[in-house]
Amino acid sequence: SIRPATVKGAPVAETLVMLVTVAATVSTGNLAIGV
């Protein structure tokens, strides 16, 4: 999911959603909040 080719081909919205999910989960340590 983080290979340049995948990111370039993927929709902006999807990449953004994935990054926000990761950021929210890692910062709170709570998987439910991230999802």
PDB file of all heavy atoms in Angstrom:
ATOM      1  N   SER A   1       0.808  -1.231   0.000  1.00  0.00           N
ATOM      2  CA  SER A   1       0.000   0.000   0.000  1.00  0.00           C
ATOM      3  C   SER A   1       0.835   1.272   0.000  1.00  0.00           C
ATOM      4  O   SER A   1       0.330   2.345  -0.285  1.00  0.00           O
ATOM      5  CB  SER A   1      -0.923   0.007   1.219  1.00  0.00           C
ATOM      6  OG  SER A   1      -0.148   0.093   2.399  1.00  0.00           O
ATOM      7  N   ILE A   2       2.144   1.180   0.324  1.00  0.00           N
ATOM      8  CA  ILE A   2       2.923   2.419   0.343  1.00  0.00           C
ATOM      9  C   ILE A   2       3.953   2.469  -0.784  1.00  0.00           C
ATOM     10  O   ILE A   2       4.793   3.353  -0.815  1.00  0.00           O
ATOM     11  CB  ILE A   2       3.625   2.637   1.708  1.00  0.00           C
ATOM     12  CG1 ILE A   2       4.501   1.442   2.079  1.00  0.00           C
ATOM     13  CG2 ILE A   2       2.617   2.927   2.813  1.00  0.00           C
ATOM     14  CD1 ILE A   2       5.430   1.722   3.247  1.00  0.00           C
ATOM     15  N   ARG A   3       3.882   1.503  -1.723  1.00  0.00           N
ATOM     16  CA  ARG A   3       4.795   1.575  -2.866  1.00  0.00           C
ATOM     17  C   ARG A   3       4.425   2.770  -3.738  1.00  0.00           C
ATOM     18  O   ARG A   3       3.245   3.041  -3.949  1.00  0.00           O
ATOM     19  CB  ARG A   3       4.712   0.288  -3.682  1.00  0.00           C
ATOM     20  CG  ARG A   3       5.513  -0.837  -3.038  1.00  0.00           C
ATOM     21  CD  ARG A   3       5.461  -2.108  -3.823  1.00  0.00           C
ATOM     22  NE  ARG A   3       5.595  -1.869  -5.259  1.00  0.00           N
ATOM     23  CZ  ARG A   3       5.058  -2.659  -6.172  1.00  0.00           C
ATOM     24  NH1 ARG A   3       4.368  -3.700  -5.821  1.00  0.00           N
ATOM     25  NH2 ARG A   3       5.214  -2.389  -7.456  1.00  0.00           N
ATOM     26  N   PRO A   4       5.422   3.500  -4.246  1.00  0.00           N
ATOM     27  CA  PRO A   4       5.109   4.707  -5.032  1.00  0.00           C
ATOM     28  C   PRO A   4       4.101   4.438  -6.148  1.00  0.00           C
ATOM     29  O   PRO A   4       3.185   5.224  -6.361  1.00  0.00           O
ATOM     30  CB  PRO A   4       6.469   5.109  -5.607  1.00  0.00           C
ATOM     31  CG  PRO A   4       7.474   4.525  -4.670  1.00  0.00           C
ATOM     32  CD  PRO A   4       6.862   3.297  -4.070  1.00  0.00           C
ATOM     33  N   ALA A   5       4.261   3.306  -6.833  1.00  0.00           N
ATOM     34  CA  ALA A   5       3.350   3.002  -7.949  1.00  0.00           C
ATOM     35  C   ALA A   5       1.914   2.878  -7.454  1.00  0.00           C
ATOM     36  O   ALA A   5       0.975   3.383  -8.085  1.00  0.00           O
ATOM     37  CB  ALA A   5       3.773   1.695  -8.616  1.00  0.00           C
ATOM     38  N   THR A   6       1.740   2.215  -6.304  1.00  0.00           N
ATOM     39  CA  THR A   6       0.388   2.025  -5.753  1.00  0.00           C
ATOM     40  C   THR A   6      -0.208   3.371  -5.359  1.00  0.00           C
ATOM     41  O   THR A   6      -1.361   3.665  -5.650  1.00  0.00           O
ATOM     42  CB  THR A   6       0.431   1.124  -4.495  1.00  0.00           C
ATOM     43  OG1 THR A   6       1.357   0.077  -4.713  1.00  0.00           O
ATOM     44  CG2 THR A   6      -0.933   0.556  -4.186  1.00  0.00           C
ATOM     45  N   VAL A   7       0.616   4.192  -4.690  1.00  0.00           N
ATOM     46  CA  VAL A   7       0.105   5.487  -4.211  1.00  0.00           C
ATOM     47  C   VAL A   7      -0.266   6.370  -5.383  1.00  0.00           C
ATOM     48  O   VAL A   7      -1.290   7.058  -5.378  1.00  0.00           O
ATOM     49  CB  VAL A   7       1.159   6.184  -3.312  1.00  0.00           C
ATOM     50  CG1 VAL A   7       0.693   7.570  -2.913  1.00  0.00           C
ATOM     51  CG2 VAL A   7       1.437   5.338  -2.083  1.00  0.00           C
ATOM     52  N   LYS A   8       0.570   6.327  -6.457  1.00  0.00           N
ATOM     53  CA  LYS A   8       0.308   7.180  -7.612  1.00  0.00           C
ATOM     54  C   LYS A   8      -0.981   6.740  -8.306  1.00  0.00           C
ATOM     55  O   LYS A   8      -1.790   7.552  -8.737  1.00  0.00           O
ATOM     56  CB  LYS A   8       1.500   7.109  -8.574  1.00  0.00           C
ATOM     57  CG  LYS A   8       1.654   8.377  -9.387  1.00  0.00           C
ATOM     58  CD  LYS A   8       3.074   8.605  -9.881  1.00  0.00           C
ATOM     59  CE  LYS A   8       3.556   7.476 -10.770  1.00  0.00           C
ATOM     60  NZ  LYS A   8       4.949   7.672 -11.183  1.00  0.00           N
ATOM     61  N   GLY A   9      -1.165   5.423  -8.377  1.00  0.00           N
ATOM     62  CA  GLY A   9      -2.348   4.907  -9.068  1.00  0.00           C
ATOM     63  C   GLY A   9      -3.615   5.026  -8.243  1.00  0.00           C
ATOM     64  O   GLY A   9      -4.714   5.075  -8.782  1.00  0.00           O
ATOM     65  N   ALA A  10      -3.455   5.088  -6.916  1.00  0.00           N
ATOM     66  CA  ALA A  10      -4.642   5.061  -6.051  1.00  0.00           C
ATOM     67  C   ALA A  10      -5.300   6.437  -6.008  1.00  0.00           C
ATOM     68  O   ALA A  10      -4.638   7.457  -6.159  1.00  0.00           O
ATOM     69  CB  ALA A  10      -4.242   4.639  -4.644  1.00  0.00           C
ATOM     70  N   PRO A  11      -6.621   6.441  -5.806  1.00  0.00           N
ATOM     71  CA  PRO A  11      -7.347   7.696  -5.647  1.00  0.00           C
ATOM     72  C   PRO A  11      -6.819   8.489  -4.449  1.00  0.00           C
ATOM     73  O   PRO A  11      -6.440   7.896  -3.441  1.00  0.00           O
ATOM     74  CB  PRO A  11      -8.774   7.247  -5.372  1.00  0.00           C
ATOM     75  CG  PRO A  11      -8.834   5.817  -5.705  1.00  0.00           C
ATOM     76  CD  PRO A  11      -7.465   5.274  -5.741  1.00  0.00           C
ATOM     77  N   VAL A  12      -6.827   9.826  -4.588  1.00  0.00           N
ATOM     78  CA  VAL A  12      -6.365  10.694  -3.497  1.00  0.00           C
ATOM     79  C   VAL A  12      -7.165  10.399  -2.227  1.00  0.00           C
ATOM     80  O   VAL A  12      -6.613  10.282  -1.134  1.00  0.00           O
ATOM     81  CB  VAL A  12      -6.562  12.180  -3.886  1.00  0.00           C
ATOM     82  CG1 VAL A  12      -5.999  13.088  -2.794  1.00  0.00           C
ATOM     83  CG2 VAL A  12      -5.910  12.461  -5.225  1.00  0.00           C
ATOM     84  N   ALA A  13      -8.484  10.278  -2.406  1.00  0.00           N
ATOM     85  CA  ALA A  13      -9.367  10.092  -1.250  1.00  0.00           C
ATOM     86  C   ALA A  13      -8.960   8.855  -0.465  1.00  0.00           C
ATOM     87  O   ALA A  13      -8.867   8.888   0.759  1.00  0.00           O
ATOM     88  CB  ALA A  13     -10.816   9.962  -1.715  1.00  0.00           C
ATOM     89  N   GLU A  14      -8.680   7.765  -1.184  1.00  0.00           N
ATOM     90  CA  GLU A  14      -8.372   6.510  -0.492  1.00  0.00           C
ATOM     91  C   GLU A  14      -7.061   6.598   0.269  1.00  0.00           C
ATOM     92  O   GLU A  14      -6.955   6.142   1.408  1.00  0.00           O
ATOM     93  CB  GLU A  14      -8.329   5.356  -1.495  1.00  0.00           C
ATOM     94  CG  GLU A  14      -9.725   4.917  -1.873  1.00  0.00           C
ATOM     95  CD  GLU A  14      -9.748   3.648  -2.686  1.00  0.00           C
ATOM     96  OE1 GLU A  14      -8.725   2.931  -2.704  1.00  0.00           O
ATOM     97  OE2 GLU A  14     -10.786   3.383  -3.301  1.00  0.00           O
ATOM     98  N   THR A  15      -6.051   7.220  -0.361  1.00  0.00           N
ATOM     99  CA  THR A  15      -4.759   7.364   0.311  1.00  0.00           C
ATOM    100  C   THR A  15      -4.922   8.207   1.564  1.00  0.00           C
ATOM    101  O   THR A  15      -4.381   7.897   2.630  1.00  0.00           O
ATOM    102  CB  THR A  15      -3.741   8.010  -0.641  1.00  0.00           C
ATOM    103  OG1 THR A  15      -3.772   7.300  -1.874  1.00  0.00           O
ATOM    104  CG2 THR A  15      -2.347   7.955  -0.073  1.00  0.00           C
ATOM    105  N   LEU A  16      -5.696   9.284   1.428  1.00  0.00           N
ATOM    106  CA  LEU A  16      -5.929  10.187   2.557  1.00  0.00           C
ATOM    107  C   LEU A  16      -6.612   9.443   3.704  1.00  0.00           C
ATOM    108  O   LEU A  16      -6.205   9.539   4.866  1.00  0.00           O
ATOM    109  CB  LEU A  16      -6.814  11.352   2.078  1.00  0.00           C
ATOM    110  CG  LEU A  16      -6.860  12.577   2.994  1.00  0.00           C
ATOM    111  CD1 LEU A  16      -5.472  13.183   3.106  1.00  0.00           C
ATOM    112  CD2 LEU A  16      -7.839  13.613   2.453  1.00  0.00           C
ATOM    113  N   VAL A  17      -7.649   8.670   3.355  1.00  0.00           N
ATOM    114  CA  VAL A  17      -8.387   7.914   4.378  1.00  0.00           C
ATOM    115  C   VAL A  17      -7.461   6.923   5.079  1.00  0.00           C
ATOM    116  O   VAL A  17      -7.476   6.800   6.300  1.00  0.00           O
ATOM    117  CB  VAL A  17      -9.604   7.188   3.751  1.00  0.00           C
ATOM    118  CG1 VAL A  17     -10.185   6.170   4.722  1.00  0.00           C
ATOM    119  CG2 VAL A  17     -10.666   8.192   3.349  1.00  0.00           C
ATOM    120  N   MET A  18      -6.615   6.258   4.294  1.00  0.00           N
ATOM    121  CA  MET A  18      -5.707   5.289   4.898  1.00  0.00           C
ATOM    122  C   MET A  18      -4.756   5.985   5.872  1.00  0.00           C
ATOM    123  O   MET A  18      -4.542   5.531   6.994  1.00  0.00           O
ATOM    124  CB  MET A  18      -4.900   4.562   3.828  1.00  0.00           C
ATOM    125  CG  MET A  18      -3.959   3.549   4.445  1.00  0.00           C
ATOM    126  SD  MET A  18      -2.710   2.925   3.350  1.00  0.00           S
ATOM    127  CE  MET A  18      -1.478   4.182   3.386  1.00  0.00           C
ATOM    128  N   LEU A  19      -4.198   7.124   5.448  1.00  0.00           N
ATOM    129  CA  LEU A  19      -3.236   7.834   6.298  1.00  0.00           C
ATOM    130  C   LEU A  19      -3.893   8.348   7.576  1.00  0.00           C
ATOM    131  O   LEU A  19      -3.312   8.277   8.654  1.00  0.00           O
ATOM    132  CB  LEU A  19      -2.598   8.992   5.522  1.00  0.00           C
ATOM    133  CG  LEU A  19      -1.671   8.546   4.382  1.00  0.00           C
ATOM    134  CD1 LEU A  19      -1.194   9.744   3.570  1.00  0.00           C
ATOM    135  CD2 LEU A  19      -0.476   7.771   4.920  1.00  0.00           C
ATOM    136  N   VAL A  20      -5.132   8.843   7.437  1.00  0.00           N
ATOM    137  CA  VAL A  20      -5.832   9.349   8.627  1.00  0.00           C
ATOM    138  C   VAL A  20      -6.119   8.195   9.590  1.00  0.00           C
ATOM    139  O   VAL A  20      -5.946   8.328  10.802  1.00  0.00           O
ATOM    140  CB  VAL A  20      -7.140  10.070   8.223  1.00  0.00           C
ATOM    141  CG1 VAL A  20      -8.040  10.280   9.431  1.00  0.00           C
ATOM    142  CG2 VAL A  20      -6.809  11.400   7.582  1.00  0.00           C
ATOM    143  N   THR A  21      -6.528   7.045   9.046  1.00  0.00           N
ATOM    144  CA  THR A  21      -6.789   5.881   9.899  1.00  0.00           C
ATOM    145  C   THR A  21      -5.519   5.499  10.660  1.00  0.00           C
ATOM    146  O   THR A  21      -5.548   5.274  11.867  1.00  0.00           O
ATOM    147  CB  THR A  21      -7.263   4.677   9.049  1.00  0.00           C
ATOM    148  OG1 THR A  21      -8.358   5.091   8.240  1.00  0.00           O
ATOM    149  CG2 THR A  21      -7.705   3.525   9.920  1.00  0.00           C
ATOM    150  N   VAL A  22      -4.392   5.462   9.937  1.00  0.00           N
ATOM    151  CA  VAL A  22      -3.119   5.110  10.581  1.00  0.00           C
ATOM    152  C   VAL A  22      -2.774   6.136  11.661  1.00  0.00           C
ATOM    153  O   VAL A  22      -2.471   5.785  12.801  1.00  0.00           O
ATOM    154  CB  VAL A  22      -1.970   5.027   9.545  1.00  0.00           C
ATOM    155  CG1 VAL A  22      -0.623   4.895  10.236  1.00  0.00           C
ATOM    156  CG2 VAL A  22      -2.192   3.848   8.615  1.00  0.00           C
ATOM    157  N   ALA A  23      -2.864   7.422  11.306  1.00  0.00           N
ATOM    158  CA  ALA A  23      -2.460   8.478  12.242  1.00  0.00           C
ATOM    159  C   ALA A  23      -3.330   8.452  13.494  1.00  0.00           C
ATOM    160  O   ALA A  23      -2.823   8.512  14.622  1.00  0.00           O
ATOM    161  CB  ALA A  23      -2.553   9.833  11.556  1.00  0.00           C
ATOM    162  N   ALA A  24      -4.652   8.317  13.295  1.00  0.00           N
ATOM    163  CA  ALA A  24      -5.566   8.337  14.451  1.00  0.00           C
ATOM    164  C   ALA A  24      -5.319   7.128  15.341  1.00  0.00           C
ATOM    165  O   ALA A  24      -5.312   7.234  16.565  1.00  0.00           O
ATOM    166  CB  ALA A  24      -7.016   8.359  13.970  1.00  0.00           C
ATOM    167  N   THR A  25      -5.088   5.975  14.724  1.00  0.00           N
ATOM    168  CA  THR A  25      -4.880   4.759  15.516  1.00  0.00           C
ATOM    169  C   THR A  25      -3.569   4.812  16.287  1.00  0.00           C
ATOM    170  O   THR A  25      -3.515   4.515  17.476  1.00  0.00           O
ATOM    171  CB  THR A  25      -4.871   3.515  14.609  1.00  0.00           C
ATOM    172  OG1 THR A  25      -6.023   3.558  13.779  1.00  0.00           O
ATOM    173  CG2 THR A  25      -4.916   2.248  15.423  1.00  0.00           C
ATOM    174  N   VAL A  26      -2.507   5.216  15.597  1.00  0.00           N
ATOM    175  CA  VAL A  26      -1.194   5.209  16.243  1.00  0.00           C
ATOM    176  C   VAL A  26      -1.133   6.260  17.355  1.00  0.00           C
ATOM    177  O   VAL A  26      -0.583   6.014  18.417  1.00  0.00           O
ATOM    178  CB  VAL A  26      -0.072   5.423  15.206  1.00  0.00           C
ATOM    179  CG1 VAL A  26       1.270   5.632  15.874  1.00  0.00           C
ATOM    180  CG2 VAL A  26      -0.007   4.211  14.279  1.00  0.00           C
ATOM    181  N   SER A  27      -1.761   7.425  17.129  1.00  0.00           N
ATOM    182  CA  SER A  27      -1.659   8.482  18.144  1.00  0.00           C
ATOM    183  C   SER A  27      -2.495   8.165  19.383  1.00  0.00           C
ATOM    184  O   SER A  27      -2.113   8.511  20.492  1.00  0.00           O
ATOM    185  CB  SER A  27      -2.072   9.829  17.556  1.00  0.00           C
ATOM    186  OG  SER A  27      -3.377   9.728  17.038  1.00  0.00           O
ATOM    187  N   THR A  28      -3.648   7.500  19.196  1.00  0.00           N
ATOM    188  CA  THR A  28      -4.477   7.206  20.377  1.00  0.00           C
ATOM    189  C   THR A  28      -4.192   5.820  20.941  1.00  0.00           C
ATOM    190  O   THR A  28      -4.528   5.535  22.078  1.00  0.00           O
ATOM    191  CB  THR A  28      -5.982   7.252  20.027  1.00  0.00           C
ATOM    192  OG1 THR A  28      -6.210   6.325  18.959  1.00  0.00           O
ATOM    193  CG2 THR A  28      -6.409   8.634  19.605  1.00  0.00           C
ATOM    194  N   GLY A  29      -3.593   4.949  20.120  1.00  0.00           N
ATOM    195  CA  GLY A  29      -3.380   3.576  20.565  1.00  0.00           C
ATOM    196  C   GLY A  29      -4.680   2.793  20.596  1.00  0.00           C
ATOM    197  O   GLY A  29      -4.740   1.665  21.051  1.00  0.00           O
ATOM    198  N   ASN A  30      -5.757   3.407  20.097  1.00  0.00           N
ATOM    199  CA  ASN A  30      -7.058   2.735  20.130  1.00  0.00           C
ATOM    200  C   ASN A  30      -7.523   2.477  18.701  1.00  0.00           C
ATOM    201  O   ASN A  30      -7.773   3.405  17.930  1.00  0.00           O
ATOM    202  CB  ASN A  30      -8.063   3.623  20.872  1.00  0.00           C
ATOM    203  CG  ASN A  30      -9.386   2.925  21.097  1.00  0.00           C
ATOM    204  OD1 ASN A  30      -9.750   2.013  20.352  1.00  0.00           O
ATOM    205  ND2 ASN A  30     -10.101   3.344  22.107  1.00  0.00           N
ATOM    206  N   LEU A  31      -7.644   1.184  18.355  1.00  0.00           N
ATOM    207  CA  LEU A  31      -7.969   0.828  16.968  1.00  0.00           C
ATOM    208  C   LEU A  31      -9.355   1.301  16.569  1.00  0.00           C
ATOM    209  O   LEU A  31      -9.592   1.672  15.429  1.00  0.00           O
ATOM    210  CB  LEU A  31      -7.866  -0.681  16.806  1.00  0.00           C
ATOM    211  CG  LEU A  31      -6.458  -1.194  17.073  1.00  0.00           C
ATOM    212  CD1 LEU A  31      -6.465  -2.688  17.280  1.00  0.00           C
ATOM    213  CD2 LEU A  31      -5.537  -0.843  15.933  1.00  0.00           C
ATOM    214  N   ALA A  32     -10.284   1.292  17.528  1.00  0.00           N
ATOM    215  CA  ALA A  32     -11.662   1.661  17.202  1.00  0.00           C
ATOM    216  C   ALA A  32     -11.740   3.117  16.753  1.00  0.00           C
ATOM    217  O   ALA A  32     -12.441   3.450  15.790  1.00  0.00           O
ATOM    218  CB  ALA A  32     -12.565   1.431  18.399  1.00  0.00           C
ATOM    219  N   ILE A  33     -10.997   3.989  17.440  1.00  0.00           N
ATOM    220  CA  ILE A  33     -11.032   5.414  17.092  1.00  0.00           C
ATOM    221  C   ILE A  33     -10.514   5.624  15.674  1.00  0.00           C
ATOM    222  O   ILE A  33     -11.101   6.355  14.877  1.00  0.00           O
ATOM    223  CB  ILE A  33     -10.188   6.241  18.102  1.00  0.00           C
ATOM    224  CG1 ILE A  33     -10.859   6.207  19.478  1.00  0.00           C
ATOM    225  CG2 ILE A  33     -10.011   7.683  17.628  1.00  0.00           C
ATOM    226  CD1 ILE A  33     -10.108   6.933  20.564  1.00  0.00           C
ATOM    227  N   GLY A  34      -9.413   4.931  15.359  1.00  0.00           N
ATOM    228  CA  GLY A  34      -8.837   5.072  14.026  1.00  0.00           C
ATOM    229  C   GLY A  34      -9.793   4.643  12.934  1.00  0.00           C
ATOM    230  O   GLY A  34      -9.961   5.330  11.923  1.00  0.00           O
ATOM    231  N   VAL A  35     -10.453   3.509  13.154  1.00  0.00           N
ATOM    232  CA  VAL A  35     -11.372   2.992  12.131  1.00  0.00           C
ATOM    233  C   VAL A  35     -12.574   3.921  11.972  1.00  0.00           C
ATOM    234  O   VAL A  35     -12.982   4.250  10.857  1.00  0.00           O
ATOM    235  CB  VAL A  35     -11.819   1.553  12.496  1.00  0.00           C
ATOM    236  CG1 VAL A  35     -12.920   1.090  11.569  1.00  0.00           C
ATOM    237  CG2 VAL A  35     -10.627   0.622  12.399  1.00  0.00           C
TER     238      VAL A  35
END
